[in-house]
Amino acid sequence: MEFLREIANILGAGDALSIHYTVVDGSGGYFQNVVRLLSFSETEIVLKGRRSNVRVEGERLSLGKYFADGHAKL
């Protein structure tokens, strides 16, 4: 993993291994570079990235799609 991080930094893409996301309040969100879904409930979703995790809290949360290429749509 450290090897990939070094390559990304050399190429000027140091944040390429982080989870990138766009959230529209009350409408949903789109997450990139997701490695795994760690936790899922109606009030909390936790996504694992290569370098960090993202926790989404709210009410009546749902997972729209989870793609094998590391993308998730909430």
PDB file of N, CA and C in Angstrom:
ATOM      1  N   MET A   1       0.814  -1.191   0.000  1.00  0.00           N
ATOM      2  CA  MET A   1       0.000   0.000   0.000  1.00  0.00           C
ATOM      3  C   MET A   1       0.861   1.260   0.000  1.00  0.00           C
ATOM      4  N   GLU A   2       1.922   1.231   0.770  1.00  0.00           N
ATOM      5  CA  GLU A   2       2.811   2.390   0.817  1.00  0.00           C
ATOM      6  C   GLU A   2       3.415   2.660  -0.554  1.00  0.00           C
ATOM      7  N   PHE A   3       3.705   1.601  -1.299  1.00  0.00           N
ATOM      8  CA  PHE A   3       4.250   1.726  -2.642  1.00  0.00           C
ATOM      9  C   PHE A   3       3.292   2.501  -3.550  1.00  0.00           C
ATOM     10  N   LEU A   4       1.993   2.180  -3.495  1.00  0.00           N
ATOM     11  CA  LEU A   4       0.999   2.902  -4.301  1.00  0.00           C
ATOM     12  C   LEU A   4       0.907   4.367  -3.890  1.00  0.00           C
ATOM     13  N   ARG A   5       1.002   4.638  -2.608  1.00  0.00           N
ATOM     14  CA  ARG A   5       0.949   6.009  -2.110  1.00  0.00           C
ATOM     15  C   ARG A   5       2.152   6.812  -2.629  1.00  0.00           C
ATOM     16  N   GLU A   6       3.327   6.194  -2.638  1.00  0.00           N
ATOM     17  CA  GLU A   6       4.520   6.865  -3.154  1.00  0.00           C
ATOM     18  C   GLU A   6       4.369   7.183  -4.636  1.00  0.00           C
ATOM     19  N   ILE A   7       3.867   6.235  -5.401  1.00  0.00           N
ATOM     20  CA  ILE A   7       3.654   6.467  -6.841  1.00  0.00           C
ATOM     21  C   ILE A   7       2.664   7.601  -7.052  1.00  0.00           C
ATOM     22  N   ALA A   8       1.562   7.597  -6.315  1.00  0.00           N
ATOM     23  CA  ALA A   8       0.551   8.657  -6.439  1.00  0.00           C
ATOM     24  C   ALA A   8       1.149  10.017  -6.105  1.00  0.00           C
ATOM     25  N   ASN A   9       1.981  10.089  -5.074  1.00  0.00           N
ATOM     26  CA  ASN A   9       2.611  11.359  -4.694  1.00  0.00           C
ATOM     27  C   ASN A   9       3.574  11.848  -5.763  1.00  0.00           C
ATOM     28  N   ILE A  10       4.360  10.939  -6.333  1.00  0.00           N
ATOM     29  CA  ILE A  10       5.298  11.312  -7.395  1.00  0.00           C
ATOM     30  C   ILE A  10       4.555  11.854  -8.605  1.00  0.00           C
ATOM     31  N   LEU A  11       3.417  11.259  -8.915  1.00  0.00           N
ATOM     32  CA  LEU A  11       2.621  11.691 -10.063  1.00  0.00           C
ATOM     33  C   LEU A  11       1.767  12.926  -9.761  1.00  0.00           C
ATOM     34  N   GLY A  12       1.859  13.425  -8.539  1.00  0.00           N
ATOM     35  CA  GLY A  12       1.083  14.607  -8.170  1.00  0.00           C
ATOM     36  C   GLY A  12      -0.366  14.305  -7.875  1.00  0.00           C
ATOM     37  N   ALA A  13      -0.660  13.063  -7.568  1.00  0.00           N
ATOM     38  CA  ALA A  13      -2.043  12.655  -7.274  1.00  0.00           C
ATOM     39  C   ALA A  13      -2.096  12.040  -5.885  1.00  0.00           C
ATOM     40  N   GLY A  14      -1.521  12.726  -4.918  1.00  0.00           N
ATOM     41  CA  GLY A  14      -1.450  12.200  -3.567  1.00  0.00           C
ATOM     42  C   GLY A  14      -2.788  11.899  -2.930  1.00  0.00           C
ATOM     43  N   ASP A  15      -3.821  12.616  -3.343  1.00  0.00           N
ATOM     44  CA  ASP A  15      -5.149  12.371  -2.762  1.00  0.00           C
ATOM     45  C   ASP A  15      -5.962  11.379  -3.577  1.00  0.00           C
ATOM     46  N   ALA A  16      -5.367  10.745  -4.568  1.00  0.00           N
ATOM     47  CA  ALA A  16      -6.094   9.802  -5.425  1.00  0.00           C
ATOM     48  C   ALA A  16      -6.556   8.575  -4.657  1.00  0.00           C
ATOM     49  N   LEU A  17      -5.929   8.281  -3.529  1.00  0.00           N
ATOM     50  CA  LEU A  17      -6.304   7.115  -2.750  1.00  0.00           C
ATOM     51  C   LEU A  17      -7.326   7.446  -1.670  1.00  0.00           C
ATOM     52  N   SER A  18      -7.688   8.708  -1.545  1.00  0.00           N
ATOM     53  CA  SER A  18      -8.674   9.133  -0.548  1.00  0.00           C
ATOM     54  C   SER A  18     -10.081   9.011  -1.112  1.00  0.00           C
ATOM     55  N   ILE A  19     -11.047   8.930  -0.221  1.00  0.00           N
ATOM     56  CA  ILE A  19     -12.443   8.926  -0.649  1.00  0.00           C
ATOM     57  C   ILE A  19     -12.817  10.333  -1.078  1.00  0.00           C
ATOM     58  N   HIS A  20     -13.330  10.456  -2.269  1.00  0.00           N
ATOM     59  CA  HIS A  20     -13.854  11.725  -2.766  1.00  0.00           C
ATOM     60  C   HIS A  20     -15.371  11.611  -2.765  1.00  0.00           C
ATOM     61  N   TYR A  21     -16.045  12.678  -2.389  1.00  0.00           N
ATOM     62  CA  TYR A  21     -17.498  12.581  -2.315  1.00  0.00           C
ATOM     63  C   TYR A  21     -18.173  13.909  -2.612  1.00  0.00           C
ATOM     64  N   THR A  22     -19.401  13.779  -3.069  1.00  0.00           N
ATOM     65  CA  THR A  22     -20.286  14.914  -3.277  1.00  0.00           C
ATOM     66  C   THR A  22     -21.597  14.570  -2.584  1.00  0.00           C
ATOM     67  N   VAL A  23     -22.056  15.449  -1.709  1.00  0.00           N
ATOM     68  CA  VAL A  23     -23.294  15.219  -0.975  1.00  0.00           C
ATOM     69  C   VAL A  23     -24.236  16.385  -1.226  1.00  0.00           C
ATOM     70  N   VAL A  24     -25.472  16.069  -1.573  1.00  0.00           N
ATOM     71  CA  VAL A  24     -26.514  17.080  -1.736  1.00  0.00           C
ATOM     72  C   VAL A  24     -27.471  16.893  -0.567  1.00  0.00           C
ATOM     73  N   ASP A  25     -27.496  17.868   0.329  1.00  0.00           N
ATOM     74  CA  ASP A  25     -28.276  17.775   1.557  1.00  0.00           C
ATOM     75  C   ASP A  25     -29.719  17.395   1.259  1.00  0.00           C
ATOM     76  N   GLY A  26     -30.155  16.300   1.864  1.00  0.00           N
ATOM     77  CA  GLY A  26     -31.533  15.853   1.705  1.00  0.00           C
ATOM     78  C   GLY A  26     -31.792  15.050   0.446  1.00  0.00           C
ATOM     79  N   SER A  27     -30.799  14.966  -0.458  1.00  0.00           N
ATOM     80  CA  SER A  27     -31.020  14.260  -1.725  1.00  0.00           C
ATOM     81  C   SER A  27     -30.142  13.030  -1.903  1.00  0.00           C
ATOM     82  N   GLY A  28     -28.945  13.032  -1.365  1.00  0.00           N
ATOM     83  CA  GLY A  28     -28.066  11.877  -1.516  1.00  0.00           C
ATOM     84  C   GLY A  28     -26.628  12.279  -1.685  1.00  0.00           C
ATOM     85  N   GLY A  29     -25.818  11.307  -2.069  1.00  0.00           N
ATOM     86  CA  GLY A  29     -24.408  11.568  -2.246  1.00  0.00           C
ATOM     87  C   GLY A  29     -23.770  10.548  -3.157  1.00  0.00           C
ATOM     88  N   TYR A  30     -22.594  10.891  -3.667  1.00  0.00           N
ATOM     89  CA  TYR A  30     -21.831  10.026  -4.554  1.00  0.00           C
ATOM     90  C   TYR A  30     -20.411   9.953  -4.006  1.00  0.00           C
ATOM     91  N   PHE A  31     -19.889   8.752  -3.800  1.00  0.00           N
ATOM     92  CA  PHE A  31     -18.598   8.537  -3.168  1.00  0.00           C
ATOM     93  C   PHE A  31     -17.689   7.742  -4.097  1.00  0.00           C
ATOM     94  N   GLN A  32     -16.429   8.157  -4.226  1.00  0.00           N
ATOM     95  CA  GLN A  32     -15.453   7.473  -5.059  1.00  0.00           C
ATOM     96  C   GLN A  32     -14.322   6.932  -4.197  1.00  0.00           C
ATOM     97  N   ASN A  33     -13.648   5.908  -4.689  1.00  0.00           N
ATOM     98  CA  ASN A  33     -12.514   5.261  -4.017  1.00  0.00           C
ATOM     99  C   ASN A  33     -12.932   4.553  -2.731  1.00  0.00           C
ATOM    100  N   VAL A  34     -14.121   3.977  -2.736  1.00  0.00           N
ATOM    101  CA  VAL A  34     -14.612   3.210  -1.602  1.00  0.00           C
ATOM    102  C   VAL A  34     -14.077   1.784  -1.724  1.00  0.00           C
ATOM    103  N   VAL A  35     -13.461   1.290  -0.656  1.00  0.00           N
ATOM    104  CA  VAL A  35     -12.917  -0.060  -0.654  1.00  0.00           C
ATOM    105  C   VAL A  35     -13.952  -1.050  -0.132  1.00  0.00           C
ATOM    106  N   ARG A  36     -14.698  -0.619   0.899  1.00  0.00           N
ATOM    107  CA  ARG A  36     -15.623  -1.548   1.538  1.00  0.00           C
ATOM    108  C   ARG A  36     -16.694  -0.773   2.296  1.00  0.00           C
ATOM    109  N   LEU A  37     -17.839  -1.376   2.424  1.00  0.00           N
ATOM    110  CA  LEU A  37     -18.920  -0.851   3.249  1.00  0.00           C
ATOM    111  C   LEU A  37     -18.740  -1.451   4.640  1.00  0.00           C
ATOM    112  N   LEU A  38     -18.401  -0.619   5.625  1.00  0.00           N
ATOM    113  CA  LEU A  38     -18.126  -1.113   6.974  1.00  0.00           C
ATOM    114  C   LEU A  38     -19.374  -1.261   7.824  1.00  0.00           C
ATOM    115  N   SER A  39     -20.305  -0.331   7.657  1.00  0.00           N
ATOM    116  CA  SER A  39     -21.493  -0.319   8.500  1.00  0.00           C
ATOM    117  C   SER A  39     -22.645   0.310   7.727  1.00  0.00           C
ATOM    118  N   PHE A  40     -23.846  -0.240   7.932  1.00  0.00           N
ATOM    119  CA  PHE A  40     -25.008   0.308   7.244  1.00  0.00           C
ATOM    120  C   PHE A  40     -26.247   0.158   8.117  1.00  0.00           C
ATOM    121  N   SER A  41     -26.925   1.270   8.381  1.00  0.00           N
ATOM    122  CA  SER A  41     -28.211   1.258   9.077  1.00  0.00           C
ATOM    123  C   SER A  41     -29.023   2.444   8.569  1.00  0.00           C
ATOM    124  N   GLU A  42     -30.228   2.597   9.055  1.00  0.00           N
ATOM    125  CA  GLU A  42     -31.066   3.725   8.635  1.00  0.00           C
ATOM    126  C   GLU A  42     -30.558   5.062   9.167  1.00  0.00           C
ATOM    127  N   THR A  43     -29.649   5.021  10.140  1.00  0.00           N
ATOM    128  CA  THR A  43     -29.145   6.265  10.733  1.00  0.00           C
ATOM    129  C   THR A  43     -27.650   6.499  10.516  1.00  0.00           C
ATOM    130  N   GLU A  44     -26.921   5.487  10.027  1.00  0.00           N
ATOM    131  CA  GLU A  44     -25.478   5.651   9.842  1.00  0.00           C
ATOM    132  C   GLU A  44     -24.957   4.718   8.747  1.00  0.00           C
ATOM    133  N   ILE A  45     -24.091   5.269   7.893  1.00  0.00           N
ATOM    134  CA  ILE A  45     -23.379   4.477   6.891  1.00  0.00           C
ATOM    135  C   ILE A  45     -21.899   4.814   7.028  1.00  0.00           C
ATOM    136  N   VAL A  46     -21.047   3.785   7.120  1.00  0.00           N
ATOM    137  CA  VAL A  46     -19.604   4.000   7.225  1.00  0.00           C
ATOM    138  C   VAL A  46     -18.947   3.319   6.022  1.00  0.00           C
ATOM    139  N   LEU A  47     -18.195   4.129   5.255  1.00  0.00           N
ATOM    140  CA  LEU A  47     -17.497   3.647   4.074  1.00  0.00           C
ATOM    141  C   LEU A  47     -16.004   3.656   4.347  1.00  0.00           C
ATOM    142  N   LYS A  48     -15.312   2.586   3.963  1.00  0.00           N
ATOM    143  CA  LYS A  48     -13.865   2.499   4.152  1.00  0.00           C
ATOM    144  C   LYS A  48     -13.175   2.831   2.838  1.00  0.00           C
ATOM    145  N   GLY A  49     -12.239   3.760   2.911  1.00  0.00           N
ATOM    146  CA  GLY A  49     -11.382   4.073   1.777  1.00  0.00           C
ATOM    147  C   GLY A  49     -10.012   3.471   2.016  1.00  0.00           C
ATOM    148  N   ARG A  50      -9.094   3.676   1.112  1.00  0.00           N
ATOM    149  CA  ARG A  50      -7.750   3.141   1.284  1.00  0.00           C
ATOM    150  C   ARG A  50      -6.991   3.864   2.391  1.00  0.00           C
ATOM    151  N   ARG A  51      -7.258   5.159   2.549  1.00  0.00           N
ATOM    152  CA  ARG A  51      -6.523   5.951   3.550  1.00  0.00           C
ATOM    153  C   ARG A  51      -7.384   6.381   4.726  1.00  0.00           C
ATOM    154  N   SER A  52      -8.697   6.422   4.542  1.00  0.00           N
ATOM    155  CA  SER A  52      -9.552   6.942   5.605  1.00  0.00           C
ATOM    156  C   SER A  52     -10.955   6.374   5.474  1.00  0.00           C
ATOM    157  N   ASN A  53     -11.770   6.663   6.460  1.00  0.00           N
ATOM    158  CA  ASN A  53     -13.167   6.253   6.448  1.00  0.00           C
ATOM    159  C   ASN A  53     -14.054   7.489   6.399  1.00  0.00           C
ATOM    160  N   VAL A  54     -15.265   7.304   5.892  1.00  0.00           N
ATOM    161  CA  VAL A  54     -16.255   8.382   5.881  1.00  0.00           C
ATOM    162  C   VAL A  54     -17.507   7.849   6.561  1.00  0.00           C
ATOM    163  N   ARG A  55     -18.025   8.643   7.502  1.00  0.00           N
ATOM    164  CA  ARG A  55     -19.259   8.266   8.189  1.00  0.00           C
ATOM    165  C   ARG A  55     -20.343   9.271   7.823  1.00  0.00           C
ATOM    166  N   VAL A  56     -21.486   8.754   7.388  1.00  0.00           N
ATOM    167  CA  VAL A  56     -22.638   9.588   7.048  1.00  0.00           C
ATOM    168  C   VAL A  56     -23.712   9.306   8.083  1.00  0.00           C
ATOM    169  N   GLU A  57     -24.226  10.356   8.707  1.00  0.00           N
ATOM    170  CA  GLU A  57     -25.286  10.209   9.702  1.00  0.00           C
ATOM    171  C   GLU A  57     -26.529  10.937   9.232  1.00  0.00           C
ATOM    172  N   GLY A  58     -27.681  10.393   9.552  1.00  0.00           N
ATOM    173  CA  GLY A  58     -28.936  11.025   9.179  1.00  0.00           C
ATOM    174  C   GLY A  58     -30.112  10.142   9.550  1.00  0.00           C
ATOM    175  N   GLU A  59     -31.221  10.392   8.908  1.00  0.00           N
ATOM    176  CA  GLU A  59     -32.436   9.604   9.134  1.00  0.00           C
ATOM    177  C   GLU A  59     -32.865   8.972   7.821  1.00  0.00           C
ATOM    178  N   ARG A  60     -33.396   7.783   7.908  1.00  0.00           N
ATOM    179  CA  ARG A  60     -33.902   7.039   6.740  1.00  0.00           C
ATOM    180  C   ARG A  60     -32.863   6.959   5.620  1.00  0.00           C
ATOM    181  N   LEU A  61     -31.613   6.660   5.980  1.00  0.00           N
ATOM    182  CA  LEU A  61     -30.552   6.524   4.991  1.00  0.00           C
ATOM    183  C   LEU A  61     -30.738   5.232   4.203  1.00  0.00           C
ATOM    184  N   SER A  62     -30.320   5.251   2.964  1.00  0.00           N
ATOM    185  CA  SER A  62     -30.376   4.047   2.139  1.00  0.00           C
ATOM    186  C   SER A  62     -29.179   4.046   1.203  1.00  0.00           C
ATOM    187  N   LEU A  63     -28.823   2.873   0.747  1.00  0.00           N
ATOM    188  CA  LEU A  63     -27.720   2.712  -0.187  1.00  0.00           C
ATOM    189  C   LEU A  63     -28.329   2.456  -1.558  1.00  0.00           C
ATOM    190  N   GLY A  64     -28.144   3.433  -2.471  1.00  0.00           N
ATOM    191  CA  GLY A  64     -28.713   3.303  -3.809  1.00  0.00           C
ATOM    192  C   GLY A  64     -27.999   2.257  -4.629  1.00  0.00           C
ATOM    193  N   LYS A  65     -26.678   2.415  -4.780  1.00  0.00           N
ATOM    194  CA  LYS A  65     -25.880   1.465  -5.549  1.00  0.00           C
ATOM    195  C   LYS A  65     -24.484   1.414  -4.966  1.00  0.00           C
ATOM    196  N   TYR A  66     -23.894   0.237  -5.042  1.00  0.00           N
ATOM    197  CA  TYR A  66     -22.498   0.059  -4.640  1.00  0.00           C
ATOM    198  C   TYR A  66     -21.826  -0.690  -5.779  1.00  0.00           C
ATOM    199  N   PHE A  67     -20.879  -0.055  -6.432  1.00  0.00           N
ATOM    200  CA  PHE A  67     -20.253  -0.610  -7.622  1.00  0.00           C
ATOM    201  C   PHE A  67     -18.934  -1.288  -7.265  1.00  0.00           C
ATOM    202  N   ALA A  68     -18.569  -2.325  -7.995  1.00  0.00           N
ATOM    203  CA  ALA A  68     -17.334  -3.070  -7.766  1.00  0.00           C
ATOM    204  C   ALA A  68     -16.090  -2.207  -7.992  1.00  0.00           C
ATOM    205  N   ASP A  69     -16.209  -1.116  -8.760  1.00  0.00           N
ATOM    206  CA  ASP A  69     -15.037  -0.289  -9.054  1.00  0.00           C
ATOM    207  C   ASP A  69     -14.776   0.764  -7.977  1.00  0.00           C
ATOM    208  N   GLY A  70     -15.449   0.666  -6.826  1.00  0.00           N
ATOM    209  CA  GLY A  70     -15.165   1.584  -5.731  1.00  0.00           C
ATOM    210  C   GLY A  70     -16.022   2.820  -5.681  1.00  0.00           C
ATOM    211  N   HIS A  71     -17.197   2.798  -6.311  1.00  0.00           N
ATOM    212  CA  HIS A  71     -18.114   3.918  -6.264  1.00  0.00           C
ATOM    213  C   HIS A  71     -19.380   3.517  -5.510  1.00  0.00           C
ATOM    214  N   ALA A  72     -19.932   4.448  -4.791  1.00  0.00           N
ATOM    215  CA  ALA A  72     -21.177   4.210  -4.058  1.00  0.00           C
ATOM    216  C   ALA A  72     -22.092   5.405  -4.252  1.00  0.00           C
ATOM    217  N   LYS A  73     -23.371   5.118  -4.400  1.00  0.00           N
ATOM    218  CA  LYS A  73     -24.372   6.171  -4.514  1.00  0.00           C
ATOM    219  C   LYS A  73     -25.360   5.991  -3.378  1.00  0.00           C
ATOM    220  N   LEU A  74     -25.449   6.997  -2.517  1.00  0.00           N
ATOM    221  CA  LEU A  74     -26.355   6.922  -1.357  1.00  0.00           C
ATOM    222  C   LEU A  74     -27.600   7.724  -1.654  1.00  0.00           C
TER     223      LEU A  74
END
